[in-house]
Amino acid sequence: MAARCVWLARCALPALARPLRAAPRLLCTATKQKNGQSLEEDVAPGEQKAEPPSSEKAFLEEKVKLEEQLKETTEKYKRALADTENLRQRSQKLVEEAKLYGIQGFCKDLLEVADILEKATQSVPKEEVREDNPHLKSLYEGLVMTEVQMQKVFTKHGLLRLNPIGAKFDPYEHEALFHAPVEGKEPGTVALVSKVGYKLHGRTLRPALVGVAKDA
């Protein structure tokens, strides 16, 4: 009888040992869940998600940084080129204007001489210019020739005479001394030129002093 009891005990021991072996695993899992740890931590290292090495990650970050720097440097270079080109064009324009209008002050002074010559020729009575009055005739012809030659020199250097009689009044080229009704003249046109004007290379150097016709 005792031998049979010993045999039954030996047969029951393996069955009792199975639940005991699984209990530590369940206890460990429950402990991790309680502490907020993920069950994925128990996965073998070979089964984890592959991540790029730290050296490769640093290389990619450095590449992106260098590309941004290259783009920024390229934009600065293009802006510098544009600014340089604009400066070159402005400088060239200033040089050209200096060549064209550098004689502006000198021309203004010569205009007074031209005005005096014009008044001198106009003051000579035409009926007195005769063959029997050779001195006056020679003087008058000399004044006219001087005036003509001066106008040729003016034209050569881009200085043009403005005598706008009958033209439409232009405030950029004319200076109105008065407005008055003039018979036979369209309103807004130049009826009288008191002093001729001049333009230097298309720029008004001295506006013509004029009288403008208006409605009666």
Protein backbone atom coordinates (compact mmCIF):
# COMPACT_ATOMS: atom_id res chain seq x y z
CA MET A 1 0.00 0.00 0.00
CA ALA A 2 2.80 2.44 0.83
CA ALA A 3 4.53 1.64 -2.39
CA ARG A 4 1.38 2.45 -4.37
CA CYS A 5 1.10 5.88 -2.65
CA VAL A 6 4.70 6.71 -3.54
CA TRP A 7 4.03 5.76 -7.18
CA LEU A 8 0.94 8.01 -7.36
CA ALA A 9 2.88 10.97 -5.90
CA ARG A 10 5.59 10.64 -8.51
CA CYS A 11 3.04 10.66 -11.30
CA ALA A 12 1.30 13.81 -9.96
CA LEU A 13 4.46 15.92 -9.52
CA PRO A 14 5.08 16.70 -13.27
CA ALA A 15 1.49 17.88 -13.73
CA LEU A 16 1.83 20.24 -10.78
CA ALA A 17 5.15 21.62 -12.06
CA ARG A 18 3.76 22.90 -15.41
CA PRO A 19 1.63 25.77 -13.98
CA LEU A 20 4.54 26.73 -11.75
CA ARG A 21 6.86 27.10 -14.74
CA ALA A 22 4.45 29.48 -16.57
CA ALA A 23 3.77 31.55 -13.48
CA PRO A 24 7.10 33.51 -13.50
CA ARG A 25 6.55 34.47 -17.16
CA LEU A 26 3.04 35.73 -16.45
CA LEU A 27 4.23 37.52 -13.34
CA CYS A 28 7.01 39.28 -15.29
CA THR A 29 4.56 40.37 -18.02
CA ALA A 30 2.08 41.71 -15.53
CA THR A 31 4.83 43.64 -13.76
CA LYS A 32 5.97 45.33 -17.01
CA GLN A 33 2.42 46.32 -17.94
CA LYS A 34 1.94 47.75 -14.50
CA ASN A 35 5.09 49.89 -14.84
CA GLY A 36 4.01 51.18 -18.29
CA GLN A 37 6.66 49.29 -20.22
CA SER A 38 5.88 47.96 -23.69
CA LEU A 39 5.79 44.27 -24.32
CA GLU A 40 7.75 44.93 -27.51
CA GLU A 41 10.86 45.36 -25.36
CA ASP A 42 11.00 41.61 -25.01
CA VAL A 43 11.33 41.16 -28.74
CA ALA A 44 14.72 39.91 -29.81
CA PRO A 45 17.21 42.59 -31.11
CA GLY A 46 17.13 41.13 -34.61
CA GLU A 47 13.34 41.68 -34.78
CA GLN A 48 13.47 45.44 -33.90
CA LYS A 49 12.76 48.13 -36.55
CA ALA A 50 15.92 49.03 -38.46
CA GLU A 51 17.21 52.58 -37.91
CA PRO A 52 19.98 54.35 -39.86
CA PRO A 53 23.34 54.47 -38.13
CA SER A 54 24.21 57.69 -36.30
CA SER A 55 27.03 58.53 -38.74
CA GLU A 56 24.69 58.26 -41.75
CA LYS A 57 22.08 60.41 -40.01
CA ALA A 58 24.66 63.08 -39.25
CA PHE A 59 25.82 62.97 -42.88
CA LEU A 60 22.27 63.54 -44.15
CA GLU A 61 21.75 66.46 -41.76
CA GLU A 62 25.03 68.00 -42.87
CA LYS A 63 24.04 67.55 -46.53
CA VAL A 64 20.72 69.37 -46.01
CA LYS A 65 22.50 72.16 -44.16
CA LEU A 66 25.08 72.60 -46.93
CA GLU A 67 22.37 72.64 -49.62
CA GLU A 68 20.53 75.42 -47.77
CA GLN A 69 23.78 77.39 -47.43
CA LEU A 70 24.49 76.92 -51.16
CA LYS A 71 21.01 78.14 -52.08
CA GLU A 72 21.34 81.19 -49.84
CA THR A 73 24.81 81.99 -51.21
CA THR A 74 23.54 81.66 -54.79
CA GLU A 75 20.69 84.09 -54.11
CA LYS A 76 23.09 86.61 -52.55
CA TYR A 77 25.42 86.25 -55.54
CA LYS A 78 22.57 86.91 -58.00
CA ARG A 79 21.45 89.99 -56.04
CA ALA A 80 25.02 91.27 -55.94
CA LEU A 81 25.32 90.82 -59.72
CA ALA A 82 22.05 92.71 -60.27
CA ASP A 83 23.14 95.55 -57.97
CA THR A 84 26.50 95.76 -59.72
CA GLU A 85 24.85 95.89 -63.14
CA ASN A 86 22.45 98.62 -62.01
CA LEU A 87 25.35 100.61 -60.59
CA ARG A 88 27.29 100.21 -63.82
CA GLN A 89 24.35 101.42 -65.90
CA ARG A 90 23.75 104.42 -63.63
CA SER A 91 27.43 105.33 -63.72
CA GLN A 92 27.50 105.01 -67.50
CA LYS A 93 24.40 107.21 -67.76
CA LEU A 94 25.98 109.84 -65.51
CA VAL A 95 29.14 109.82 -67.61
CA GLU A 96 27.14 110.22 -70.82
CA GLU A 97 25.08 113.04 -69.33
CA ALA A 98 28.26 114.72 -68.12
CA LYS A 99 29.62 114.59 -71.67
CA LEU A 100 26.39 115.97 -73.12
CA TYR A 101 25.53 118.59 -70.55
CA GLY A 102 28.97 119.46 -69.23
CA ILE A 103 28.96 122.56 -71.47
CA GLN A 104 25.56 123.66 -70.18
CA GLY A 105 26.93 126.58 -68.14
CA PHE A 106 29.15 127.70 -70.99
CA CYS A 107 26.22 127.58 -73.41
CA LYS A 108 24.07 129.70 -71.12
CA ASP A 109 26.74 132.38 -71.15
CA LEU A 110 26.98 132.26 -74.95
CA LEU A 111 23.22 132.69 -75.26
CA GLU A 112 23.56 136.23 -73.97
CA VAL A 113 26.07 136.94 -76.73
CA ALA A 114 23.70 135.46 -79.30
CA ASP A 115 20.87 137.66 -77.99
CA ILE A 116 23.02 140.77 -78.33
CA LEU A 117 23.99 139.88 -81.91
CA GLU A 118 20.34 139.29 -82.78
CA LYS A 119 19.31 142.65 -81.34
CA ALA A 120 22.16 144.35 -83.15
CA THR A 121 21.12 142.98 -86.55
CA GLN A 122 17.47 143.79 -85.90
CA SER A 123 18.26 147.37 -84.90
CA VAL A 124 19.90 148.20 -88.21
CA PRO A 125 17.38 149.89 -90.58
CA LYS A 126 17.15 147.73 -93.68
CA GLU A 127 16.58 150.76 -95.89
CA GLU A 128 19.93 152.17 -94.80
CA VAL A 129 21.82 149.10 -95.94
CA ARG A 130 22.74 150.32 -99.42
CA GLU A 131 25.70 150.34 -101.75
CA ASP A 132 26.20 154.04 -101.18
CA ASN A 133 26.62 153.37 -97.47
CA PRO A 134 29.39 150.75 -97.61
CA HIS A 135 30.47 151.04 -93.96
CA LEU A 136 27.01 150.29 -92.55
CA LYS A 137 26.48 147.61 -95.17
CA SER A 138 29.75 145.87 -94.29
CA LEU A 139 29.01 146.12 -90.56
CA TYR A 140 25.55 144.69 -90.99
CA GLU A 141 26.76 141.83 -93.17
CA GLY A 142 29.50 141.06 -90.64
CA LEU A 143 26.94 140.90 -87.82
CA VAL A 144 24.68 138.60 -89.83
CA MET A 145 27.56 136.30 -90.76
CA THR A 146 28.69 136.13 -87.13
CA GLU A 147 25.17 135.29 -85.99
CA VAL A 148 24.79 132.58 -88.64
CA GLN A 149 28.14 131.04 -87.77
CA MET A 150 27.30 131.05 -84.07
CA GLN A 151 24.04 129.22 -84.74
CA LYS A 152 25.96 126.63 -86.76
CA VAL A 153 28.31 126.07 -83.82
CA PHE A 154 25.31 125.79 -81.49
CA THR A 155 23.70 123.18 -83.75
CA LYS A 156 26.95 121.21 -83.98
CA HIS A 157 27.04 120.85 -80.19
CA GLY A 158 23.34 120.03 -79.82
CA LEU A 159 22.08 123.50 -78.95
CA LEU A 160 18.92 124.32 -80.89
CA ARG A 161 17.08 127.62 -81.13
CA LEU A 162 13.38 127.78 -80.18
CA ASN A 163 11.22 130.35 -81.91
CA PRO A 164 7.71 128.95 -81.24
CA ILE A 165 5.62 131.64 -82.93
CA GLY A 166 2.23 130.14 -83.78
CA ALA A 167 3.00 126.86 -81.98
CA LYS A 168 0.95 125.32 -79.21
CA PHE A 169 1.99 126.58 -75.79
CA ASP A 170 4.22 124.06 -74.03
CA PRO A 171 5.03 124.81 -70.37
CA TYR A 172 8.20 122.69 -70.62
CA GLU A 173 9.62 124.82 -73.43
CA HIS A 174 7.83 128.17 -73.08
CA GLU A 175 7.38 130.72 -70.33
CA ALA A 176 4.21 132.77 -70.65
CA LEU A 177 4.64 136.48 -69.98
CA PHE A 178 0.96 137.26 -70.57
CA HIS A 179 -2.31 135.86 -71.91
CA ALA A 180 -4.35 138.11 -74.17
CA PRO A 181 -6.96 137.76 -76.93
CA VAL A 182 -5.27 138.08 -80.32
CA GLU A 183 -7.26 138.33 -83.51
CA GLY A 184 -6.52 135.55 -85.95
CA LYS A 185 -4.70 133.43 -83.34
CA GLU A 186 -6.09 130.21 -81.93
CA PRO A 187 -6.43 130.25 -78.13
CA GLY A 188 -3.57 128.45 -76.42
CA THR A 189 -1.05 129.21 -79.15
CA VAL A 190 2.01 131.46 -79.00
CA ALA A 191 1.11 134.88 -80.41
CA LEU A 192 4.33 136.73 -79.57
CA VAL A 193 7.94 135.72 -78.86
CA SER A 194 9.70 138.21 -76.66
CA LYS A 195 12.88 136.16 -76.30
CA VAL A 196 13.80 132.97 -78.11
CA GLY A 197 14.57 129.81 -76.17
CA TYR A 198 17.16 127.07 -76.55
CA LYS A 199 17.34 123.31 -76.02
CA LEU A 200 20.52 121.35 -75.35
CA HIS A 201 20.33 117.74 -76.57
CA GLY A 202 16.57 117.73 -76.16
CA ARG A 203 16.63 119.31 -72.69
CA THR A 204 15.27 122.83 -72.32
CA LEU A 205 18.20 125.06 -71.50
CA ARG A 206 16.25 128.30 -71.60
CA PRO A 207 12.49 128.55 -72.16
CA ALA A 208 11.23 130.99 -74.76
CA LEU A 209 9.50 134.04 -73.29
CA VAL A 210 6.18 134.26 -75.06
CA GLY A 211 2.73 135.82 -75.09
CA VAL A 212 -0.16 133.37 -75.37
CA ALA A 213 -3.44 133.97 -77.15
CA LYS A 214 -6.66 133.34 -75.28
CA ASP A 215 -10.41 133.62 -75.87
CA ALA A 216 -11.81 137.12 -76.10
